[in-house]
């Protein structure tokens, strides 16, 4: 009988592996010529540490899936959905429902992934590339003319882009499966017709899509009223307030994230069947996600993958990267390491790989890899000095700096600290040591000062589920207040910030159970929604002052007052 290891046991196992790895692997980039190329690529000290950190981050968010999937490397492709906003926002029910539907007939699903690989790769690239809406989590308003400009230049184009370039392609996979069941091609009809097909067949993967809004943006008209927007498409009109559109937009984005997560989890659960069908036949967008997760790290980013045909049956993959060193040695090492992962997740799909390195110069450095020679060297375990110059074609590595140790040591120290901090946080809590900083995130800080005093408003979100108790909430808020006391803010008036920076005299805190966009958290700041656990107010010179923002509260000796959600005693052991 097999037993799943707890998250804590897995973390300690990973810590031991990292310690053994650090003892056996040099921290500097490999310069010895007595090692095989396979050994060099498989023992990349920086990438190994980055992979360990990402595994922990993924486990925090997708633990129920990673437990089931074991050591599948495909789950590594989820790391951005565990660490990057707004990718961290998704609809769990859509993930479960979509994954279950894909698993009803795995071979048909794989056939669909292969047949629709161009469309899916386009959708994945469109979804994962940072865009202007990513950093905007505040409320959408129509109070001033600038707000209308934001709708016209950001929110409406983005909604249309998500509809047509992302959602439009992702839903073709369940529709392909449905069509195969009924001997029809459901991937060809228009987007509105395909959405109707999904809804008619109880495939609830369309949250956030509104036909009138999409059509009005694509080929209709939009009128802005005083407090509302009119979306006009022929005889149909949809009237929405700005905040209603924000909910629609966020739901569509969450749906797109959820559909891609479901596809990745499906692949992880069906690796053997994927191998039988040829991993190189999967969409480049999917393969690129796992390659990027395995080969990149803090100071070596993989930005884009593009396939092209050089004629005479020669297939080439072009990769755009960014690196923070100008070392020629480092670029060659990272290029070969990246080429190995391209082989692992693309098979024999490419004859040549071209890699550009943005290293901060006016012209990118470039190198090309002969993939067949790389595969032969790996397979035969050839020594570096016997094969490297035959693998790397004439390259254009314009720059060089001899000392690569600083680059390597900097990354290793950063990643080791991040990994061991997470492990130590978990361990210390087990032994009763107070380390509340690991349990919450200072999600949003706002200067709430006026002309009389320096004030700070803060939203705090728990990082993971823990039994909700009043003592625990008090410890979390008190710990955050101690950190926030050191922040310095200016006074704030009609002219904006002014005066000298000083530590706050008042701090207001909202503690939430679950994370969300800032506009969603602020909307759900009442007790009835269930996400707000407590409100708190801290006053520097508290004696003789009243706590104006609270009603039924408890005052502690350090000037902190906390008002708990009235339902909190019912949630002590209830997992959301």
Protein backbone atom coordinates (compact mmCIF):
# COMPACT_ATOMS: atom_id res chain seq x y z
CA UNK A 1 0.00 0.00 0.00
CA UNK A 2 1.34 3.42 -0.96
CA UNK A 3 0.90 6.54 1.12
CA UNK A 4 1.15 10.14 -0.09
CA UNK A 5 3.81 12.23 1.57
CA UNK A 6 2.66 15.34 3.37
CA UNK A 7 3.67 18.72 2.01
CA UNK A 8 6.03 19.13 4.98
CA UNK A 9 7.71 15.78 4.28
CA UNK A 10 8.13 16.68 0.63
CA UNK A 11 9.71 20.02 1.55
CA UNK A 12 12.21 18.37 3.89
CA UNK A 13 13.04 15.79 1.24
CA UNK A 14 13.64 18.61 -1.23
CA UNK A 15 15.84 20.40 1.29
CA UNK A 16 17.99 17.30 1.71
CA UNK A 17 18.27 16.93 -2.06
CA UNK A 18 19.32 20.57 -2.38
CA UNK A 19 21.93 20.15 0.34
CA UNK A 20 23.38 17.07 -1.35
CA UNK A 21 23.31 18.88 -4.70
CA UNK A 22 25.13 21.91 -3.30
CA UNK A 23 27.81 19.64 -1.82
CA UNK A 24 28.42 17.80 -5.08
CA UNK A 25 27.95 20.61 -7.64
CA UNK A 26 30.18 23.67 -7.95
CA UNK A 27 28.51 27.02 -7.65
CA UNK A 28 30.46 28.45 -10.62
CA UNK A 29 29.54 27.85 -14.23
CA UNK A 30 31.24 24.69 -15.55
CA UNK A 31 34.66 25.29 -17.07
CA UNK A 32 36.11 21.81 -16.66
CA UNK A 33 36.48 19.82 -19.87
CA UNK A 34 36.54 16.42 -18.21
CA UNK A 35 32.77 16.16 -17.78
CA UNK A 36 30.27 14.82 -20.25
CA UNK A 37 27.86 17.22 -21.86
CA UNK A 38 24.95 15.26 -20.40
CA UNK A 39 26.38 15.64 -16.89
CA UNK A 40 26.88 19.38 -17.37
CA UNK A 41 23.30 19.99 -18.55
CA UNK A 42 21.71 17.78 -15.92
CA UNK A 43 23.57 19.45 -13.04
CA UNK A 44 22.86 23.11 -13.66
CA UNK A 45 23.18 24.56 -10.12
CA UNK A 46 21.06 27.68 -10.68
CA UNK A 47 18.28 26.04 -12.70
CA UNK A 48 18.11 23.22 -10.15
CA UNK A 49 17.51 25.67 -7.31
CA UNK A 50 14.96 27.63 -9.35
CA UNK A 51 13.09 24.42 -10.16
CA UNK A 52 12.97 23.49 -6.46
CA UNK A 53 11.56 26.90 -5.54
CA UNK A 54 8.92 26.71 -8.27
CA UNK A 55 7.91 23.24 -7.13
CA UNK A 56 7.21 24.65 -3.66
CA UNK A 57 5.26 27.58 -5.05
CA UNK A 58 3.14 25.29 -7.23
CA UNK A 59 2.47 22.98 -4.27
CA UNK A 60 1.13 25.89 -2.23
CA UNK A 61 -1.58 26.58 -4.82
CA UNK A 62 -2.10 23.27 -6.64
CA UNK A 63 -1.28 20.83 -3.85
CA UNK A 64 -4.33 18.64 -4.42
CA UNK A 65 -3.30 18.13 -8.05
CA UNK A 66 0.46 17.78 -7.55
CA UNK A 67 -0.13 15.11 -4.89
CA UNK A 68 -2.04 13.05 -7.45
CA UNK A 69 0.38 13.66 -10.31
CA UNK A 70 3.59 12.82 -8.47
CA UNK A 71 6.73 13.81 -10.36
CA UNK A 72 5.17 14.87 -13.66
CA UNK A 73 7.25 17.71 -15.08
CA UNK A 74 4.19 19.07 -16.85
CA UNK A 75 2.94 20.49 -13.57
CA UNK A 76 6.00 22.78 -13.60
CA UNK A 77 4.28 24.67 -16.41
CA UNK A 78 1.81 25.89 -13.75
CA UNK A 79 4.37 28.01 -11.90
CA UNK A 80 3.20 31.32 -13.37
CA UNK A 81 -0.36 30.49 -12.28
CA UNK A 82 1.02 30.24 -8.74
CA UNK A 83 3.23 33.33 -8.75
CA UNK A 84 2.29 35.94 -11.38
CA UNK A 85 -0.69 38.29 -11.19
CA UNK A 86 -3.25 38.18 -12.72
CA UNK A 87 -2.52 34.57 -13.75
CA UNK A 88 -3.04 33.52 -10.13
CA UNK A 89 -6.78 34.19 -10.51
CA UNK A 90 -8.82 31.28 -11.84
CA UNK A 91 -12.10 29.42 -11.40
CA UNK A 92 -11.51 26.12 -9.60
CA UNK A 93 -14.86 24.65 -10.66
CA UNK A 94 -14.15 25.28 -14.33
CA UNK A 95 -10.76 23.58 -13.93
CA UNK A 96 -12.35 20.49 -12.37
CA UNK A 97 -15.23 20.31 -14.85
CA UNK A 98 -13.07 20.89 -17.92
CA UNK A 99 -10.39 18.41 -16.83
CA UNK A 100 -13.03 15.78 -16.16
CA UNK A 101 -14.53 16.31 -19.63
CA UNK A 102 -11.11 16.10 -21.31
CA UNK A 103 -10.45 12.83 -19.47
CA UNK A 104 -13.67 11.19 -20.64
CA UNK A 105 -11.92 10.28 -23.90
CA UNK A 106 -8.20 11.07 -23.58
CA UNK A 107 -7.25 9.98 -27.11
CA UNK A 108 -9.90 12.22 -28.68
CA UNK A 109 -8.65 15.12 -26.53
CA UNK A 110 -5.06 14.55 -27.68
CA UNK A 111 -6.23 14.38 -31.29
CA UNK A 112 -7.87 17.77 -30.77
CA UNK A 113 -4.74 19.26 -29.19
CA UNK A 114 -2.68 18.11 -32.17
CA UNK A 115 -5.18 19.18 -34.83
CA UNK A 116 -5.68 22.62 -33.28
CA UNK A 117 -2.08 23.20 -32.23
CA UNK A 118 -1.61 26.44 -34.19
CA UNK A 119 -4.72 28.04 -32.69
CA UNK A 120 -3.82 26.87 -29.18
CA UNK A 121 -0.24 28.14 -29.41
CA UNK A 122 -1.54 31.54 -30.51
CA UNK A 123 -3.98 31.62 -27.58
CA UNK A 124 -1.31 30.59 -25.06
CA UNK A 125 1.12 33.26 -26.23
CA UNK A 126 -1.63 35.87 -26.10
CA UNK A 127 -2.59 34.80 -22.58
CA UNK A 128 0.90 34.68 -21.07
CA UNK A 129 2.41 37.84 -22.51
CA UNK A 130 2.20 40.72 -19.99
CA UNK A 131 -0.12 43.48 -21.13
CA UNK A 132 -1.34 46.83 -19.93
CA UNK A 133 -4.33 45.46 -17.98
CA UNK A 134 -2.20 43.22 -15.76
CA UNK A 135 -1.10 45.96 -13.38
CA UNK A 136 -4.51 47.63 -13.10
CA UNK A 137 -6.45 46.04 -10.23
CA UNK A 138 -8.25 49.10 -8.93
CA UNK A 139 -11.93 49.85 -9.55
CA UNK A 140 -13.09 50.78 -13.04
CA UNK A 141 -14.83 54.13 -12.87
CA UNK A 142 -16.58 56.64 -15.17
CA UNK A 143 -16.16 59.71 -12.96
CA UNK A 144 -13.81 61.77 -15.13
CA UNK A 145 -12.99 61.96 -18.87
CA UNK A 146 -9.71 60.09 -18.28
CA UNK A 147 -11.75 57.07 -17.13
CA UNK A 148 -13.52 56.94 -20.50
CA UNK A 149 -10.15 57.03 -22.22
CA UNK A 150 -9.05 54.01 -20.15
CA UNK A 151 -12.14 52.11 -21.31
CA UNK A 152 -11.51 52.96 -24.93
CA UNK A 153 -7.76 52.31 -24.89
CA UNK A 154 -7.45 49.48 -22.35
CA UNK A 155 -10.54 47.68 -21.10
CA UNK A 156 -12.60 47.38 -24.28
CA UNK A 157 -9.67 46.33 -26.53
CA UNK A 158 -8.53 43.88 -23.86
CA UNK A 159 -11.98 42.32 -23.49
CA UNK A 160 -12.17 41.86 -27.25
CA UNK A 161 -8.65 40.39 -27.32
CA UNK A 162 -9.45 37.86 -24.61
CA UNK A 163 -12.66 36.91 -26.41
CA UNK A 164 -11.24 36.48 -29.90
CA UNK A 165 -7.58 35.56 -29.43
CA UNK A 166 -7.76 33.39 -26.29
CA UNK A 167 -11.21 32.21 -25.23
CA UNK A 168 -12.19 31.69 -28.88
CA UNK A 169 -9.42 29.09 -29.34
CA UNK A 170 -9.46 27.38 -25.94
CA UNK A 171 -13.13 26.40 -26.22
CA UNK A 172 -12.40 24.61 -29.51
CA UNK A 173 -10.96 21.67 -27.56
CA UNK A 174 -14.17 20.70 -25.70
CA UNK A 175 -16.11 21.49 -28.88
CA UNK A 176 -13.84 19.18 -30.89
CA UNK A 177 -14.56 16.38 -28.42
CA UNK A 178 -18.30 17.12 -28.55
CA UNK A 179 -18.21 17.13 -32.34
CA UNK A 180 -16.45 13.76 -32.46
CA UNK A 181 -19.17 12.29 -30.26
CA UNK A 182 -21.85 13.51 -32.68
CA UNK A 183 -19.90 13.14 -35.96
CA UNK A 184 -19.91 16.90 -36.54
CA UNK A 185 -17.32 19.66 -36.70
CA UNK A 186 -18.21 22.14 -33.97
CA UNK A 187 -14.95 24.10 -34.29
CA UNK A 188 -16.07 25.91 -37.48
CA UNK A 189 -19.18 27.93 -36.49
CA UNK A 190 -18.88 31.56 -35.36
CA UNK A 191 -17.86 32.36 -31.80
CA UNK A 192 -21.43 33.17 -30.60
CA UNK A 193 -22.69 29.90 -32.11
CA UNK A 194 -19.94 27.90 -30.47
CA UNK A 195 -20.64 29.48 -27.08
CA UNK A 196 -24.31 28.52 -27.49
CA UNK A 197 -23.28 24.93 -28.29
CA UNK A 198 -21.31 24.72 -25.06
CA UNK A 199 -24.17 26.11 -22.98
CA UNK A 200 -26.77 23.88 -24.68
CA UNK A 201 -24.67 20.83 -23.79
CA UNK A 202 -24.13 21.87 -20.16
CA UNK A 203 -20.43 22.56 -20.68
CA UNK A 204 -20.17 25.54 -18.37
CA UNK A 205 -16.90 26.99 -19.60
CA UNK A 206 -18.21 30.37 -20.78
CA UNK A 207 -18.35 32.55 -17.65
CA UNK A 208 -17.45 36.16 -18.48
CA UNK A 209 -18.41 35.98 -22.14
CA UNK A 210 -21.29 38.25 -23.17
CA UNK A 211 -22.35 38.07 -26.80
CA UNK A 212 -23.79 41.59 -27.04
CA UNK A 213 -20.74 43.19 -25.41
CA UNK A 214 -18.32 41.27 -27.60
CA UNK A 215 -20.25 41.98 -30.81
CA UNK A 216 -20.63 45.67 -29.95
CA UNK A 217 -16.88 45.95 -29.46
CA UNK A 218 -16.10 43.97 -32.62
CA UNK A 219 -18.52 45.53 -35.11
CA UNK A 220 -21.15 47.54 -33.21
CA UNK A 221 -21.11 50.80 -31.25
CA UNK A 222 -20.59 51.96 -27.68
CA UNK A 223 -22.17 54.97 -25.98
CA UNK A 224 -20.98 56.33 -22.63
CA UNK A 225 -23.68 57.66 -20.33
CA UNK A 226 -23.29 59.50 -17.04
CA UNK A 227 -22.76 56.38 -14.93
CA UNK A 228 -23.19 53.58 -17.44
CA UNK A 229 -22.11 52.19 -20.80
CA UNK A 230 -24.42 51.17 -23.63
CA UNK A 231 -23.17 48.29 -25.80
CA UNK A 232 -25.18 48.37 -29.03
CA UNK A 233 -25.17 45.51 -31.52
CA UNK A 234 -27.87 45.84 -34.22
CA UNK A 235 -31.18 45.58 -32.36
CA UNK A 236 -29.61 44.44 -29.09
CA UNK A 237 -28.34 46.73 -26.35
CA UNK A 238 -26.60 45.81 -23.11
CA UNK A 239 -26.40 48.51 -20.43
CA UNK A 240 -23.71 48.08 -17.77
CA UNK A 241 -22.19 50.13 -15.01
CA UNK A 242 -18.40 50.29 -14.95
CA UNK A 243 -18.12 47.91 -12.01
CA UNK A 244 -20.43 45.43 -13.69
CA UNK A 245 -18.15 45.44 -16.71
CA UNK A 246 -15.16 44.88 -14.40
CA UNK A 247 -16.81 41.73 -13.02
CA UNK A 248 -17.55 40.52 -16.57
CA UNK A 249 -13.96 41.21 -17.65
CA UNK A 250 -12.42 39.50 -14.61
CA UNK A 251 -14.64 36.44 -15.01
CA UNK A 252 -13.63 36.06 -18.67
CA UNK A 253 -9.94 36.32 -17.78
CA UNK A 254 -10.36 33.77 -14.98
CA UNK A 255 -12.14 31.41 -17.36
CA UNK A 256 -9.29 31.61 -19.88
CA UNK A 257 -6.74 30.87 -17.15
CA UNK A 258 -8.84 27.94 -15.92
CA UNK A 259 -9.18 26.33 -19.36
CA UNK A 260 -5.41 26.39 -19.90
CA UNK A 261 -4.73 25.01 -16.40
CA UNK A 262 -7.18 22.17 -17.09
CA UNK A 263 -5.38 21.31 -20.35
CA UNK A 264 -1.98 21.23 -18.59
CA UNK A 265 -3.33 19.00 -15.82
CA UNK A 266 -4.87 16.69 -18.41
CA UNK A 267 -1.49 16.32 -20.14
CA UNK A 268 0.22 15.62 -16.81
CA UNK A 269 -2.29 12.87 -16.07
CA UNK A 270 -1.85 11.26 -19.51
CA UNK A 271 1.90 11.46 -20.11
CA UNK A 272 2.18 7.89 -21.40
CA UNK A 273 -0.53 8.48 -23.98
CA UNK A 274 1.12 11.78 -24.95
CA UNK A 275 4.40 9.95 -25.57
CA UNK A 276 2.63 7.38 -27.74
CA UNK A 277 1.22 10.17 -29.91
CA UNK A 278 4.55 12.01 -30.08
CA UNK A 279 5.31 14.86 -27.69
CA UNK A 280 6.63 16.90 -30.64
CA UNK A 281 3.09 16.96 -32.08
CA UNK A 282 1.69 18.97 -29.15
CA UNK A 283 1.22 22.72 -29.59
CA UNK A 284 4.46 24.68 -29.29
CA UNK A 285 2.69 26.93 -26.78
CA UNK A 286 2.26 24.01 -24.36
CA UNK A 287 5.74 22.61 -24.91
CA UNK A 288 7.19 26.09 -24.54
CA UNK A 289 5.56 26.51 -21.13
CA UNK A 290 7.28 23.49 -19.62
CA UNK A 291 10.61 24.19 -21.38
CA UNK A 292 10.56 27.75 -20.02
CA UNK A 293 9.69 26.47 -16.54
CA UNK A 294 12.59 24.00 -16.53
CA UNK A 295 15.34 26.08 -18.16
CA UNK A 296 14.76 29.68 -17.00
CA UNK A 297 15.58 31.34 -13.71
CA UNK A 298 15.70 34.79 -12.13
CA UNK A 299 18.43 36.25 -14.36
CA UNK A 300 17.80 34.15 -17.47
CA UNK A 301 14.35 34.71 -18.95
CA UNK A 302 12.89 32.89 -21.94
CA UNK A 303 10.64 35.35 -23.74
CA UNK A 304 9.34 33.68 -26.90
CA UNK A 305 9.41 30.60 -29.13
CA UNK A 306 8.82 30.73 -32.90
CA UNK A 307 8.92 27.90 -35.44
CA UNK A 308 9.94 28.37 -39.06
CA UNK A 309 10.79 26.25 -42.10
CA UNK A 310 14.14 26.82 -43.80
CA UNK A 311 13.24 24.70 -46.83
CA UNK A 312 14.52 21.27 -47.87
CA UNK A 313 12.71 19.83 -44.86
CA UNK A 314 14.85 21.73 -42.33
CA UNK A 315 12.84 22.84 -39.28
CA UNK A 316 14.12 25.61 -37.05
CA UNK A 317 13.05 26.92 -33.64
CA UNK A 318 13.89 30.51 -32.73
CA UNK A 319 14.06 31.43 -29.05
CA UNK A 320 14.28 34.97 -27.64
CA UNK A 321 15.88 35.21 -24.20
CA UNK A 322 17.13 37.83 -21.77
CA UNK A 323 20.20 37.39 -19.56
CA UNK A 324 21.87 39.72 -17.05
CA UNK A 325 25.46 38.80 -17.92
CA UNK A 326 27.54 39.48 -21.02
CA UNK A 327 29.68 36.40 -20.47
CA UNK A 328 30.12 34.40 -23.68
CA UNK A 329 30.77 31.31 -21.59
CA UNK A 330 27.46 31.74 -19.74
CA UNK A 331 25.51 32.24 -22.98
CA UNK A 332 26.96 29.08 -24.53
CA UNK A 333 26.20 27.10 -21.38
CA UNK A 334 22.62 28.40 -21.14
CA UNK A 335 22.11 27.83 -24.87
CA UNK A 336 23.14 24.17 -24.71
CA UNK A 337 21.15 23.64 -21.49
CA UNK A 338 18.08 25.17 -23.13
CA UNK A 339 18.65 23.07 -26.26
CA UNK A 340 18.60 19.89 -24.17
CA UNK A 341 15.18 20.73 -22.73
CA UNK A 342 13.92 21.62 -26.19
CA UNK A 343 14.92 18.11 -27.24
CA UNK A 344 13.27 16.51 -24.20
CA UNK A 345 9.93 18.21 -24.91
CA UNK A 346 10.08 18.38 -28.71
CA UNK A 347 11.78 15.12 -29.69
CA UNK A 348 13.23 15.31 -33.18
CA UNK A 349 10.95 18.15 -34.29
CA UNK A 350 13.79 20.63 -34.96
CA UNK A 351 17.02 20.39 -36.93
CA UNK A 352 18.34 23.71 -35.71
CA UNK A 353 17.68 26.05 -32.78
CA UNK A 354 18.57 29.74 -32.90
CA UNK A 355 18.82 31.54 -29.55
CA UNK A 356 19.13 35.30 -29.12
CA UNK A 357 20.37 36.81 -25.84
CA UNK A 358 19.31 40.30 -24.83
CA UNK A 359 22.19 41.15 -22.50
CA UNK A 360 21.72 44.92 -22.43
CA UNK A 361 23.75 45.77 -25.53
CA UNK A 362 22.56 47.51 -28.69
CA UNK A 363 22.54 44.22 -30.63
CA UNK A 364 21.48 40.84 -29.24
CA UNK A 365 24.01 38.05 -29.11
CA UNK A 366 22.98 34.95 -31.09
CA UNK A 367 24.01 31.31 -31.30
CA UNK A 368 22.68 28.34 -33.27
CA UNK A 369 22.57 24.70 -32.18
CA UNK A 370 22.75 21.65 -34.44
CA UNK A 371 20.13 19.55 -32.71
CA UNK A 372 21.03 16.18 -34.22
CA UNK A 373 24.62 16.62 -33.07
CA UNK A 374 23.38 17.64 -29.62
CA UNK A 375 21.17 14.54 -29.38
CA UNK A 376 24.05 12.28 -30.43
CA UNK A 377 26.41 13.82 -27.87
CA UNK A 378 23.89 13.37 -25.09
CA UNK A 379 23.01 9.83 -26.12
CA UNK A 380 26.67 8.74 -26.33
CA UNK A 381 27.71 10.68 -23.21
CA UNK A 382 30.46 12.51 -25.06
CA UNK A 383 32.91 14.76 -23.26
CA UNK A 384 32.38 18.51 -23.59
CA UNK A 385 35.65 19.13 -25.41
CA UNK A 386 34.83 16.48 -28.02
CA UNK A 387 31.46 17.83 -29.12
CA UNK A 388 30.73 21.42 -28.07
CA UNK A 389 32.26 23.15 -31.10
CA UNK A 390 30.40 20.77 -33.42
CA UNK A 391 27.06 21.45 -31.69
CA UNK A 392 27.31 25.25 -31.72
CA UNK A 393 27.25 26.64 -35.22
CA UNK A 394 29.08 29.90 -36.04
CA UNK A 395 27.64 32.27 -33.48
CA UNK A 396 27.38 36.00 -33.04
CA UNK A 397 28.32 36.41 -29.38
CA UNK A 398 29.48 40.01 -29.53
CA UNK A 399 30.37 40.56 -25.91
CA UNK A 400 32.31 38.78 -23.22
CA UNK A 401 33.18 39.19 -19.57
CA UNK A 402 35.48 36.65 -18.05
CA UNK A 403 34.19 36.48 -14.48
CA UNK A 404 31.01 34.42 -14.40
CA UNK A 405 31.24 33.59 -10.68
CA UNK A 406 29.45 36.76 -9.54
CA UNK A 407 26.53 36.01 -11.87
CA UNK A 408 26.23 32.40 -10.71
CA UNK A 409 26.76 33.06 -7.00
CA UNK A 410 24.22 35.91 -7.00
CA UNK A 411 21.49 33.67 -8.44
CA UNK A 412 22.34 30.67 -6.27
CA UNK A 413 22.25 32.75 -3.09
CA UNK A 414 18.95 34.41 -4.04
CA UNK A 415 17.24 31.10 -4.83
CA UNK A 416 18.70 29.17 -1.89
CA UNK A 417 17.52 31.88 0.49
CA UNK A 418 14.00 31.82 -0.99
CA UNK A 419 13.77 28.02 -0.79
CA UNK A 420 15.12 27.62 2.72
CA UNK A 421 13.09 30.54 4.06
CA UNK A 422 9.93 28.75 2.95
CA UNK A 423 11.07 25.47 4.50
CA UNK A 424 12.10 27.17 7.75
CA UNK A 425 8.77 29.02 7.97
CA UNK A 426 6.95 25.71 7.78
CA UNK A 427 9.30 23.97 10.23
CA UNK A 428 9.27 26.74 12.82
CA UNK A 429 5.49 26.75 12.97
CA UNK A 430 5.58 23.00 13.63
CA UNK A 431 7.76 23.61 16.69
CA UNK A 432 5.65 26.46 17.99
CA UNK A 433 8.01 29.26 16.97
CA UNK A 434 6.10 32.37 15.98
CA UNK A 435 6.81 33.27 12.36
CA UNK A 436 3.59 34.84 11.15
CA UNK A 437 5.23 36.59 8.18
CA UNK A 438 5.05 33.33 6.24
CA UNK A 439 1.30 33.11 6.73
CA UNK A 440 0.11 36.33 5.09
CA UNK A 441 0.79 38.81 2.31
CA UNK A 442 0.67 42.59 2.58
CA UNK A 443 -1.58 42.72 -0.44
CA UNK A 444 -2.28 46.43 -0.87
CA UNK A 445 -0.94 49.54 0.82
CA UNK A 446 -2.58 52.92 0.35
CA UNK A 447 -1.61 56.31 1.67
CA UNK A 448 -4.75 57.42 3.55
CA UNK A 449 -3.18 60.52 5.10
CA UNK A 450 -4.91 63.88 5.40
CA UNK A 451 -3.65 67.36 6.28
CA UNK A 452 -3.68 66.51 10.00
CA UNK A 453 -1.97 63.14 10.27
CA UNK A 454 -0.07 60.38 8.47
CA UNK A 455 -2.30 57.36 7.88
CA UNK A 456 -1.93 54.03 6.13
CA UNK A 457 -4.63 51.66 4.86
CA UNK A 458 -3.58 48.06 4.29
CA UNK A 459 -5.22 44.92 2.93
CA UNK A 460 -3.75 41.64 4.23
CA UNK A 461 -4.46 38.21 2.72
CA UNK A 462 -3.68 34.83 4.23
CA UNK A 463 -1.22 32.88 2.08
CA UNK A 464 -2.80 29.50 2.76
CA UNK A 465 -5.67 27.96 4.63
CA UNK A 466 -5.29 27.61 8.37
CA UNK A 467 -7.93 27.01 11.06
CA UNK A 468 -9.45 30.42 11.78
CA UNK A 469 -9.16 31.39 15.46
CA UNK A 470 -9.26 34.77 17.14
CA UNK A 471 -5.80 34.33 18.68
CA UNK A 472 -4.34 33.52 15.28
CA UNK A 473 -5.95 36.60 13.70
CA UNK A 474 -4.66 38.79 16.53
CA UNK A 475 -1.11 37.47 16.03
CA UNK A 476 -1.24 38.03 12.25
CA UNK A 477 -2.51 41.61 12.54
CA UNK A 478 -0.14 42.50 15.38
CA UNK A 479 2.80 41.15 13.40
CA UNK A 480 1.79 43.14 10.32
CA UNK A 481 1.36 46.31 12.39
CA UNK A 482 4.94 45.99 13.68
CA UNK A 483 6.18 45.92 10.09
CA UNK A 484 3.89 48.72 8.95
CA UNK A 485 5.03 51.03 11.75
CA UNK A 486 8.33 51.40 9.92
CA UNK A 487 6.71 52.56 6.64
CA UNK A 488 6.96 56.27 5.93
CA UNK A 489 4.26 58.27 4.17
CA UNK A 490 3.63 61.89 3.29
CA UNK A 491 0.50 63.89 4.01
CA UNK A 492 -2.10 63.89 1.26
CA UNK A 493 -4.39 66.61 -0.06
CA UNK A 494 -5.97 67.89 -3.27
CA UNK A 495 -2.53 68.63 -4.67
CA UNK A 496 -1.41 65.07 -3.94
CA UNK A 497 1.36 64.05 -1.56
CA UNK A 498 3.30 66.79 0.17
CA UNK A 499 5.53 67.43 3.16
CA UNK A 500 8.12 65.21 4.79
CA UNK A 501 7.84 61.44 5.01
CA UNK A 502 6.99 60.20 8.50
CA UNK A 503 5.94 56.93 10.10
CA UNK A 504 2.14 56.56 10.29
CA UNK A 505 0.16 57.68 13.31
CA UNK A 506 -2.87 55.65 12.26
CA UNK A 507 -2.98 52.27 10.50
CA UNK A 508 -6.18 50.67 9.23
CA UNK A 509 -6.13 46.95 8.38
CA UNK A 510 -8.49 44.59 6.58
CA UNK A 511 -7.60 40.88 6.89
CA UNK A 512 -9.01 38.58 4.19
CA UNK A 513 -9.22 34.83 4.08
CA UNK A 514 -8.62 34.47 0.30
CA UNK A 515 -6.74 36.52 -2.26
CA UNK A 516 -8.41 38.37 -5.14
CA UNK A 517 -7.95 41.45 -7.28
CA UNK A 518 -7.90 44.67 -5.29
CA UNK A 519 -11.22 45.79 -6.77
CA UNK A 520 -12.80 42.50 -5.71
CA UNK A 521 -11.39 42.65 -2.18
CA UNK A 522 -12.69 46.17 -1.65
CA UNK A 523 -16.16 45.23 -2.94
CA UNK A 524 -16.24 42.29 -0.53
CA UNK A 525 -15.27 44.32 2.53
CA UNK A 526 -18.50 43.63 4.39
CA UNK A 527 -19.05 40.70 6.75
CA UNK A 528 -21.76 39.09 4.64
CA UNK A 529 -19.41 37.98 1.85
CA UNK A 530 -17.45 35.78 4.26
CA UNK A 531 -13.99 36.68 2.95
CA UNK A 532 -13.30 39.53 5.38
CA UNK A 533 -12.10 38.00 8.66
CA UNK A 534 -11.38 41.12 10.68
CA UNK A 535 -10.98 44.89 10.62
CA UNK A 536 -8.39 46.56 12.79
CA UNK A 537 -7.19 50.02 13.71
CA UNK A 538 -3.92 51.00 15.35
CA UNK A 539 -3.32 54.46 16.86
CA UNK A 540 0.15 55.65 17.89
CA UNK A 541 -1.08 57.79 20.80
CA UNK A 542 -4.16 55.73 21.50
CA UNK A 543 -5.10 56.70 25.01
CA UNK A 544 -8.07 59.05 24.91
CA UNK A 545 -8.77 58.41 21.21
CA UNK A 546 -11.78 56.60 19.79
CA UNK A 547 -11.67 53.97 17.03
CA UNK A 548 -13.97 55.56 14.49
CA UNK A 549 -13.94 52.88 11.78
CA UNK A 550 -14.87 49.99 14.11
CA UNK A 551 -18.06 49.08 15.95
CA UNK A 552 -17.81 46.06 18.28
CA UNK A 553 -14.10 45.73 18.90
CA UNK A 554 -11.45 44.55 21.37
CA UNK A 555 -8.69 46.95 22.47
CA UNK A 556 -5.22 45.65 23.33
CA UNK A 557 -2.50 47.36 25.36
CA UNK A 558 -0.42 48.41 22.36
CA UNK A 559 -3.09 50.67 20.84
CA UNK A 560 -4.45 47.99 18.54
CA UNK A 561 -8.21 47.42 18.27
CA UNK A 562 -9.70 44.49 16.34
CA UNK A 563 -13.26 43.85 15.23
CA UNK A 564 -13.86 40.22 14.25
CA UNK A 565 -16.36 38.94 11.72
CA UNK A 566 -19.45 37.94 13.76
CA UNK A 567 -19.47 34.53 12.01
CA UNK A 568 -15.87 33.74 12.88
CA UNK A 569 -16.64 31.20 15.60
CA UNK A 570 -18.48 29.10 13.02
CA UNK A 571 -15.38 28.93 10.77
CA UNK A 572 -12.83 27.53 13.22
CA UNK A 573 -12.35 24.25 11.34
CA UNK A 574 -14.23 25.01 8.12
CA UNK A 575 -12.07 25.05 5.00
CA UNK A 576 -13.28 27.52 2.35
